[in-house]
Amino acid sequence: MSAAKDAILARVRAAVTDLRAPVGARGDTPWVDQASAGVAETVELFVENVVDYKAEVVRVAPAGVGEAVAAALTAYGVRSVVVPDGTDPSWTAAVPEAVRQVSDDGLSSAALDSIDAVVTSSAVGIATTGTIVLDHGPGQGRRALSLVPDVHVCVVAADSVVHDVPEAVSRLHPQAGMPRPLTWISGPSATSDIELDRVEGVHGPRTLHVILVEN
């Protein structure tokens, strides 16, 4: 039994001898820097990784959020949008009258499924993973709002973007005792079958449109 154990451990040690060694079809092992080179670089990395997930990113000044929201809803042919409580009124003021704005008063799943889009804010953006975290505070609504409508327009403040997951968890930690979930979003919903054919929109929004607000 001891000999078998020694053989297994020897194989494990050999496998992890050099984690930087080239592996896989693409060459080098992915490696994440332990620290950001700076604020600007962190934001650029966030944008790069969000786009890599096939999400759309639009960069605007604070005064341009409303126009960017309206432009996104128009571009995707949205006819109805749910607006969570606590959303900044200026974000939806420019939405065309033809787009019906719906307040969430406990909408059923069926009712949500009939709504084309949702507009939310966010709590944290993570650069190294291209992830957006919702803590479902004001302007973010309950979790179902970001999972059922087909289009998710998400407003992310550049100063809420952090370098990596530990930094994000540290920022969210003061709210860890709150009785609401966190939703971690890395691109639009996607899955694949046994033949690796990618299908989007099965478990959540088919389209993720990120409005990055920079001062």
C-alpha atoms as a PDB file:
ATOM      1  CA  MET A   1       0.000   0.000   0.000  1.00  0.00           C
ATOM      2  CA  SER A   2       2.863   2.354   0.853  1.00  0.00           C
ATOM      3  CA  ALA A   3       4.554   1.681  -2.479  1.00  0.00           C
ATOM      4  CA  ALA A   4       1.365   2.519  -4.369  1.00  0.00           C
ATOM      5  CA  LYS A   5       0.985   5.740  -2.381  1.00  0.00           C
ATOM      6  CA  ASP A   6       4.587   6.718  -3.104  1.00  0.00           C
ATOM      7  CA  ALA A   7       4.080   6.074  -6.806  1.00  0.00           C
ATOM      8  CA  ILE A   8       0.962   8.278  -6.905  1.00  0.00           C
ATOM      9  CA  LEU A   9       2.666  11.135  -5.055  1.00  0.00           C
ATOM     10  CA  ALA A  10       5.686  10.885  -7.343  1.00  0.00           C
ATOM     11  CA  ARG A  11       3.434  11.285 -10.371  1.00  0.00           C
ATOM     12  CA  VAL A  12       1.722  14.306  -8.805  1.00  0.00           C
ATOM     13  CA  ARG A  13       5.058  15.958  -8.022  1.00  0.00           C
ATOM     14  CA  ALA A  14       6.248  15.352 -11.578  1.00  0.00           C
ATOM     15  CA  ALA A  15       3.060  16.853 -12.993  1.00  0.00           C
ATOM     16  CA  VAL A  16       3.382  20.118 -11.057  1.00  0.00           C
ATOM     17  CA  THR A  17       7.144  20.565 -11.259  1.00  0.00           C
ATOM     18  CA  ASP A  18       6.878  23.542 -13.609  1.00  0.00           C
ATOM     19  CA  LEU A  19       3.459  25.122 -13.967  1.00  0.00           C
ATOM     20  CA  ARG A  20       4.838  27.600 -16.473  1.00  0.00           C
ATOM     21  CA  ALA A  21       5.828  24.871 -18.931  1.00  0.00           C
ATOM     22  CA  PRO A  22       4.067  25.094 -22.316  1.00  0.00           C
ATOM     23  CA  VAL A  23       1.012  22.846 -22.359  1.00  0.00           C
ATOM     24  CA  GLY A  24      -2.099  22.351 -24.444  1.00  0.00           C
ATOM     25  CA  ALA A  25      -2.976  23.208 -27.996  1.00  0.00           C
ATOM     26  CA  ARG A  26      -2.435  26.944 -27.527  1.00  0.00           C
ATOM     27  CA  GLY A  27       1.050  26.749 -26.039  1.00  0.00           C
ATOM     28  CA  ASP A  28       1.829  28.511 -22.771  1.00  0.00           C
ATOM     29  CA  THR A  29      -0.068  27.806 -19.601  1.00  0.00           C
ATOM     30  CA  PRO A  30      -2.374  30.751 -18.786  1.00  0.00           C
ATOM     31  CA  TRP A  31      -0.782  32.890 -16.094  1.00  0.00           C
ATOM     32  CA  VAL A  32      -2.463  35.655 -14.111  1.00  0.00           C
ATOM     33  CA  ASP A  33      -0.371  38.528 -12.799  1.00  0.00           C
ATOM     34  CA  GLN A  34      -0.581  38.790  -9.049  1.00  0.00           C
ATOM     35  CA  ALA A  35      -0.908  42.573  -9.085  1.00  0.00           C
ATOM     36  CA  SER A  36      -2.219  45.209 -11.442  1.00  0.00           C
ATOM     37  CA  ALA A  37       0.204  47.484 -13.259  1.00  0.00           C
ATOM     38  CA  GLY A  38      -2.131  50.408 -12.513  1.00  0.00           C
ATOM     39  CA  VAL A  39      -5.731  51.620 -12.564  1.00  0.00           C
ATOM     40  CA  ALA A  40      -5.800  52.334 -16.294  1.00  0.00           C
ATOM     41  CA  GLU A  41      -4.270  48.950 -17.092  1.00  0.00           C
ATOM     42  CA  THR A  42      -6.830  47.212 -14.876  1.00  0.00           C
ATOM     43  CA  VAL A  43      -9.718  48.843 -16.720  1.00  0.00           C
ATOM     44  CA  GLU A  44      -8.196  47.980 -20.108  1.00  0.00           C
ATOM     45  CA  LEU A  45      -7.761  44.349 -19.062  1.00  0.00           C
ATOM     46  CA  PHE A  46     -11.379  44.250 -17.887  1.00  0.00           C
ATOM     47  CA  VAL A  47     -12.611  45.550 -21.248  1.00  0.00           C
ATOM     48  CA  GLU A  48     -10.415  43.088 -23.145  1.00  0.00           C
ATOM     49  CA  ASN A  49     -11.718  40.097 -21.207  1.00  0.00           C
ATOM     50  CA  VAL A  50     -15.369  41.161 -21.288  1.00  0.00           C
ATOM     51  CA  VAL A  51     -15.172  41.548 -25.072  1.00  0.00           C
ATOM     52  CA  ASP A  52     -13.455  38.157 -25.296  1.00  0.00           C
ATOM     53  CA  TYR A  53     -16.637  36.681 -23.784  1.00  0.00           C
ATOM     54  CA  LYS A  54     -18.582  38.061 -26.773  1.00  0.00           C
ATOM     55  CA  ALA A  55     -20.138  40.904 -24.797  1.00  0.00           C
ATOM     56  CA  GLU A  56     -20.418  44.445 -26.143  1.00  0.00           C
ATOM     57  CA  VAL A  57     -18.622  47.241 -24.271  1.00  0.00           C
ATOM     58  CA  VAL A  58     -19.356  50.949 -24.730  1.00  0.00           C
ATOM     59  CA  ARG A  59     -17.293  53.528 -22.849  1.00  0.00           C
ATOM     60  CA  VAL A  60     -18.984  56.778 -21.819  1.00  0.00           C
ATOM     61  CA  ALA A  61     -18.686  59.725 -19.455  1.00  0.00           C
ATOM     62  CA  PRO A  62     -21.189  59.879 -16.563  1.00  0.00           C
ATOM     63  CA  ALA A  63     -23.420  62.294 -18.463  1.00  0.00           C
ATOM     64  CA  GLY A  64     -23.634  59.915 -21.397  1.00  0.00           C
ATOM     65  CA  VAL A  65     -25.151  56.892 -19.651  1.00  0.00           C
ATOM     66  CA  GLY A  66     -28.747  57.730 -20.547  1.00  0.00           C
ATOM     67  CA  GLU A  67     -28.001  58.100 -24.254  1.00  0.00           C
ATOM     68  CA  ALA A  68     -25.939  54.903 -24.216  1.00  0.00           C
ATOM     69  CA  VAL A  69     -28.784  52.956 -22.583  1.00  0.00           C
ATOM     70  CA  ALA A  70     -31.287  54.284 -25.119  1.00  0.00           C
ATOM     71  CA  ALA A  71     -28.939  53.493 -28.016  1.00  0.00           C
ATOM     72  CA  ALA A  72     -28.418  49.932 -26.801  1.00  0.00           C
ATOM     73  CA  LEU A  73     -32.128  49.214 -26.394  1.00  0.00           C
ATOM     74  CA  THR A  74     -32.819  50.648 -29.845  1.00  0.00           C
ATOM     75  CA  ALA A  75     -29.996  48.653 -31.461  1.00  0.00           C
ATOM     76  CA  TYR A  76     -31.315  45.366 -30.078  1.00  0.00           C
ATOM     77  CA  GLY A  77     -34.892  46.098 -31.113  1.00  0.00           C
ATOM     78  CA  VAL A  78     -36.127  46.100 -27.521  1.00  0.00           C
ATOM     79  CA  ARG A  79     -39.846  46.777 -27.051  1.00  0.00           C
ATOM     80  CA  SER A  80     -39.989  46.411 -23.267  1.00  0.00           C
ATOM     81  CA  VAL A  81     -37.457  46.765 -20.471  1.00  0.00           C
ATOM     82  CA  VAL A  82     -37.629  46.115 -16.742  1.00  0.00           C
ATOM     83  CA  VAL A  83     -36.105  48.848 -14.585  1.00  0.00           C
ATOM     84  CA  PRO A  84     -35.153  47.853 -11.003  1.00  0.00           C
ATOM     85  CA  ASP A  85     -35.960  50.053  -8.023  1.00  0.00           C
ATOM     86  CA  GLY A  86     -33.194  52.518  -7.264  1.00  0.00           C
ATOM     87  CA  THR A  87     -32.108  52.987 -10.883  1.00  0.00           C
ATOM     88  CA  ASP A  88     -30.820  56.483 -11.622  1.00  0.00           C
ATOM     89  CA  PRO A  89     -33.739  58.191 -13.465  1.00  0.00           C
ATOM     90  CA  SER A  90     -31.311  59.852 -15.895  1.00  0.00           C
ATOM     91  CA  TRP A  91     -30.322  56.413 -17.213  1.00  0.00           C
ATOM     92  CA  THR A  92     -33.770  55.767 -18.657  1.00  0.00           C
ATOM     93  CA  ALA A  93     -34.927  59.320 -19.396  1.00  0.00           C
ATOM     94  CA  ALA A  94     -33.802  59.084 -23.026  1.00  0.00           C
ATOM     95  CA  VAL A  95     -35.400  55.687 -23.684  1.00  0.00           C
ATOM     96  CA  PRO A  96     -37.831  56.048 -26.630  1.00  0.00           C
ATOM     97  CA  GLU A  97     -41.534  56.127 -25.760  1.00  0.00           C
ATOM     98  CA  ALA A  98     -42.022  53.062 -27.965  1.00  0.00           C
ATOM     99  CA  VAL A  99     -40.047  51.035 -25.410  1.00  0.00           C
ATOM    100  CA  ARG A 100     -42.307  50.107 -22.500  1.00  0.00           C
ATOM    101  CA  GLN A 101     -40.573  50.571 -19.136  1.00  0.00           C
ATOM    102  CA  VAL A 102     -41.732  48.060 -16.526  1.00  0.00           C
ATOM    103  CA  SER A 103     -41.226  48.298 -12.763  1.00  0.00           C
ATOM    104  CA  ASP A 104     -40.600  45.100 -10.852  1.00  0.00           C
ATOM    105  CA  ASP A 105     -43.478  44.619  -8.438  1.00  0.00           C
ATOM    106  CA  GLY A 106     -42.866  40.917  -7.980  1.00  0.00           C
ATOM    107  CA  LEU A 107     -43.163  40.006 -11.642  1.00  0.00           C
ATOM    108  CA  SER A 108     -43.654  36.290 -12.219  1.00  0.00           C
ATOM    109  CA  SER A 109     -41.181  34.278 -14.280  1.00  0.00           C
ATOM    110  CA  ALA A 110     -43.712  34.181 -17.107  1.00  0.00           C
ATOM    111  CA  ALA A 111     -44.116  37.955 -16.986  1.00  0.00           C
ATOM    112  CA  LEU A 112     -40.344  38.449 -16.978  1.00  0.00           C
ATOM    113  CA  ASP A 113     -39.997  36.080 -19.904  1.00  0.00           C
ATOM    114  CA  SER A 114     -42.235  38.359 -21.949  1.00  0.00           C
ATOM    115  CA  ILE A 115     -39.952  41.354 -21.313  1.00  0.00           C
ATOM    116  CA  ASP A 116     -37.122  41.894 -23.790  1.00  0.00           C
ATOM    117  CA  ALA A 117     -34.452  43.490 -21.631  1.00  0.00           C
ATOM    118  CA  VAL A 118     -33.265  44.657 -18.230  1.00  0.00           C
ATOM    119  CA  VAL A 119     -31.050  47.588 -17.260  1.00  0.00           C
ATOM    120  CA  THR A 120     -28.990  47.239 -14.076  1.00  0.00           C
ATOM    121  CA  SER A 121     -26.054  48.784 -12.314  1.00  0.00           C
ATOM    122  CA  SER A 122     -23.347  46.566 -10.793  1.00  0.00           C
ATOM    123  CA  ALA A 123     -21.272  46.192  -7.650  1.00  0.00           C
ATOM    124  CA  VAL A 124     -17.824  45.127  -8.883  1.00  0.00           C
ATOM    125  CA  GLY A 125     -16.015  44.342 -12.136  1.00  0.00           C
ATOM    126  CA  ILE A 126     -13.073  41.897 -12.177  1.00  0.00           C
ATOM    127  CA  ALA A 127     -10.351  42.552 -14.744  1.00  0.00           C
ATOM    128  CA  THR A 128      -8.512  39.222 -14.831  1.00  0.00           C
ATOM    129  CA  THR A 129     -11.684  37.212 -15.419  1.00  0.00           C
ATOM    130  CA  GLY A 130     -13.891  39.725 -17.244  1.00  0.00           C
ATOM    131  CA  THR A 131     -16.543  39.135 -14.592  1.00  0.00           C
ATOM    132  CA  ILE A 132     -19.266  41.505 -13.361  1.00  0.00           C
ATOM    133  CA  VAL A 133     -20.690  40.990  -9.879  1.00  0.00           C
ATOM    134  CA  LEU A 134     -24.188  42.066  -8.877  1.00  0.00           C
ATOM    135  CA  ASP A 135     -24.996  42.240  -5.163  1.00  0.00           C
ATOM    136  CA  HIS A 136     -28.638  43.083  -5.938  1.00  0.00           C
ATOM    137  CA  GLY A 137     -28.643  46.374  -4.117  1.00  0.00           C
ATOM    138  CA  PRO A 138     -30.419  49.509  -5.423  1.00  0.00           C
ATOM    139  CA  GLY A 139     -30.461  49.664  -9.203  1.00  0.00           C
ATOM    140  CA  GLN A 140     -29.704  45.953  -9.584  1.00  0.00           C
ATOM    141  CA  GLY A 141     -32.968  44.318  -8.593  1.00  0.00           C
ATOM    142  CA  ARG A 142     -33.516  40.726  -7.583  1.00  0.00           C
ATOM    143  CA  ARG A 143     -31.531  37.964  -9.229  1.00  0.00           C
ATOM    144  CA  ALA A 144     -34.253  36.837 -11.642  1.00  0.00           C
ATOM    145  CA  LEU A 145     -34.206  40.210 -13.398  1.00  0.00           C
ATOM    146  CA  SER A 146     -30.685  39.627 -14.694  1.00  0.00           C
ATOM    147  CA  LEU A 147     -31.349  35.994 -15.657  1.00  0.00           C
ATOM    148  CA  VAL A 148     -34.660  35.898 -17.531  1.00  0.00           C
ATOM    149  CA  PRO A 149     -34.865  38.795 -20.057  1.00  0.00           C
ATOM    150  CA  ASP A 150     -32.920  38.131 -23.256  1.00  0.00           C
ATOM    151  CA  VAL A 151     -30.876  41.357 -23.200  1.00  0.00           C
ATOM    152  CA  HIS A 152     -28.956  42.619 -20.158  1.00  0.00           C
ATOM    153  CA  VAL A 153     -27.689  46.199 -20.307  1.00  0.00           C
ATOM    154  CA  CYS A 154     -25.296  46.546 -17.379  1.00  0.00           C
ATOM    155  CA  VAL A 155     -23.765  49.831 -16.232  1.00  0.00           C
ATOM    156  CA  VAL A 156     -20.308  49.398 -14.683  1.00  0.00           C
ATOM    157  CA  ALA A 157     -18.432  52.249 -13.028  1.00  0.00           C
ATOM    158  CA  ALA A 158     -14.748  52.203 -13.956  1.00  0.00           C
ATOM    159  CA  ASP A 159     -13.791  52.901 -10.348  1.00  0.00           C
ATOM    160  CA  SER A 160     -15.567  49.692  -9.293  1.00  0.00           C
ATOM    161  CA  VAL A 161     -13.265  47.546 -11.450  1.00  0.00           C
ATOM    162  CA  VAL A 162     -10.661  45.608  -9.454  1.00  0.00           C
ATOM    163  CA  HIS A 163      -7.759  43.455 -10.579  1.00  0.00           C
ATOM    164  CA  ASP A 164      -8.680  39.957  -9.441  1.00  0.00           C
ATOM    165  CA  VAL A 165     -11.189  37.775  -7.600  1.00  0.00           C
ATOM    166  CA  PRO A 166      -9.580  38.071  -4.112  1.00  0.00           C
ATOM    167  CA  GLU A 167      -9.727  41.861  -4.404  1.00  0.00           C
ATOM    168  CA  ALA A 168     -13.367  41.651  -5.465  1.00  0.00           C
ATOM    169  CA  VAL A 169     -14.234  39.380  -2.554  1.00  0.00           C
ATOM    170  CA  SER A 170     -12.440  41.749  -0.187  1.00  0.00           C
ATOM    171  CA  ARG A 171     -14.487  44.665  -1.500  1.00  0.00           C
ATOM    172  CA  LEU A 172     -17.726  42.689  -1.205  1.00  0.00           C
ATOM    173  CA  HIS A 173     -16.863  41.224   2.207  1.00  0.00           C
ATOM    174  CA  PRO A 174     -18.408  44.026   4.328  1.00  0.00           C
ATOM    175  CA  GLN A 175     -21.739  43.034   2.795  1.00  0.00           C
ATOM    176  CA  ALA A 176     -21.192  39.305   3.221  1.00  0.00           C
ATOM    177  CA  GLY A 177     -23.640  39.117   6.109  1.00  0.00           C
ATOM    178  CA  MET A 178     -26.475  40.553   4.037  1.00  0.00           C
ATOM    179  CA  PRO A 179     -29.267  38.073   3.197  1.00  0.00           C
ATOM    180  CA  ARG A 180     -29.099  38.500  -0.588  1.00  0.00           C
ATOM    181  CA  PRO A 181     -27.124  36.509  -3.156  1.00  0.00           C
ATOM    182  CA  LEU A 182     -24.296  37.591  -5.401  1.00  0.00           C
ATOM    183  CA  THR A 183     -24.569  37.013  -9.140  1.00  0.00           C
ATOM    184  CA  TRP A 184     -21.282  36.585 -11.027  1.00  0.00           C
ATOM    185  CA  ILE A 185     -21.569  37.259 -14.756  1.00  0.00           C
ATOM    186  CA  SER A 186     -18.849  36.359 -17.252  1.00  0.00           C
ATOM    187  CA  GLY A 187     -20.301  37.219 -20.631  1.00  0.00           C
ATOM    188  CA  PRO A 188     -23.719  36.280 -22.012  1.00  0.00           C
ATOM    189  CA  SER A 189     -25.196  32.939 -21.026  1.00  0.00           C
ATOM    190  CA  ALA A 190     -23.636  30.110 -23.039  1.00  0.00           C
ATOM    191  CA  THR A 191     -23.375  26.347 -23.040  1.00  0.00           C
ATOM    192  CA  SER A 192     -22.429  23.603 -25.472  1.00  0.00           C
ATOM    193  CA  ASP A 193     -23.603  20.115 -26.302  1.00  0.00           C
ATOM    194  CA  ILE A 194     -21.527  16.940 -26.522  1.00  0.00           C
ATOM    195  CA  GLU A 195     -20.279  18.011 -29.955  1.00  0.00           C
ATOM    196  CA  LEU A 196     -19.135  21.370 -28.482  1.00  0.00           C
ATOM    197  CA  ASP A 197     -21.623  23.402 -30.506  1.00  0.00           C
ATOM    198  CA  ARG A 198     -21.983  26.682 -28.607  1.00  0.00           C
ATOM    199  CA  VAL A 199     -25.519  27.789 -27.764  1.00  0.00           C
ATOM    200  CA  GLU A 200     -26.204  31.161 -26.146  1.00  0.00           C
ATOM    201  CA  GLY A 201     -29.137  32.283 -24.044  1.00  0.00           C
ATOM    202  CA  VAL A 202     -30.129  28.926 -22.553  1.00  0.00           C
ATOM    203  CA  HIS A 203     -29.524  29.758 -18.895  1.00  0.00           C
ATOM    204  CA  GLY A 204     -29.722  33.543 -19.003  1.00  0.00           C
ATOM    205  CA  PRO A 205     -29.454  36.570 -21.305  1.00  0.00           C
ATOM    206  CA  ARG A 206     -28.344  35.916 -24.868  1.00  0.00           C
ATOM    207  CA  THR A 207     -26.872  39.412 -25.053  1.00  0.00           C
ATOM    208  CA  LEU A 208     -24.740  41.259 -22.481  1.00  0.00           C
ATOM    209  CA  HIS A 209     -24.176  44.945 -23.224  1.00  0.00           C
ATOM    210  CA  VAL A 210     -21.794  46.695 -20.825  1.00  0.00           C
ATOM    211  CA  ILE A 211     -21.743  50.466 -20.441  1.00  0.00           C
ATOM    212  CA  LEU A 212     -18.441  51.386 -18.790  1.00  0.00           C
ATOM    213  CA  VAL A 213     -18.664  54.780 -17.066  1.00  0.00           C
ATOM    214  CA  GLU A 214     -15.354  56.638 -16.906  1.00  0.00           C
ATOM    215  CA  ASN A 215     -14.709  60.014 -15.296  1.00  0.00           C
END
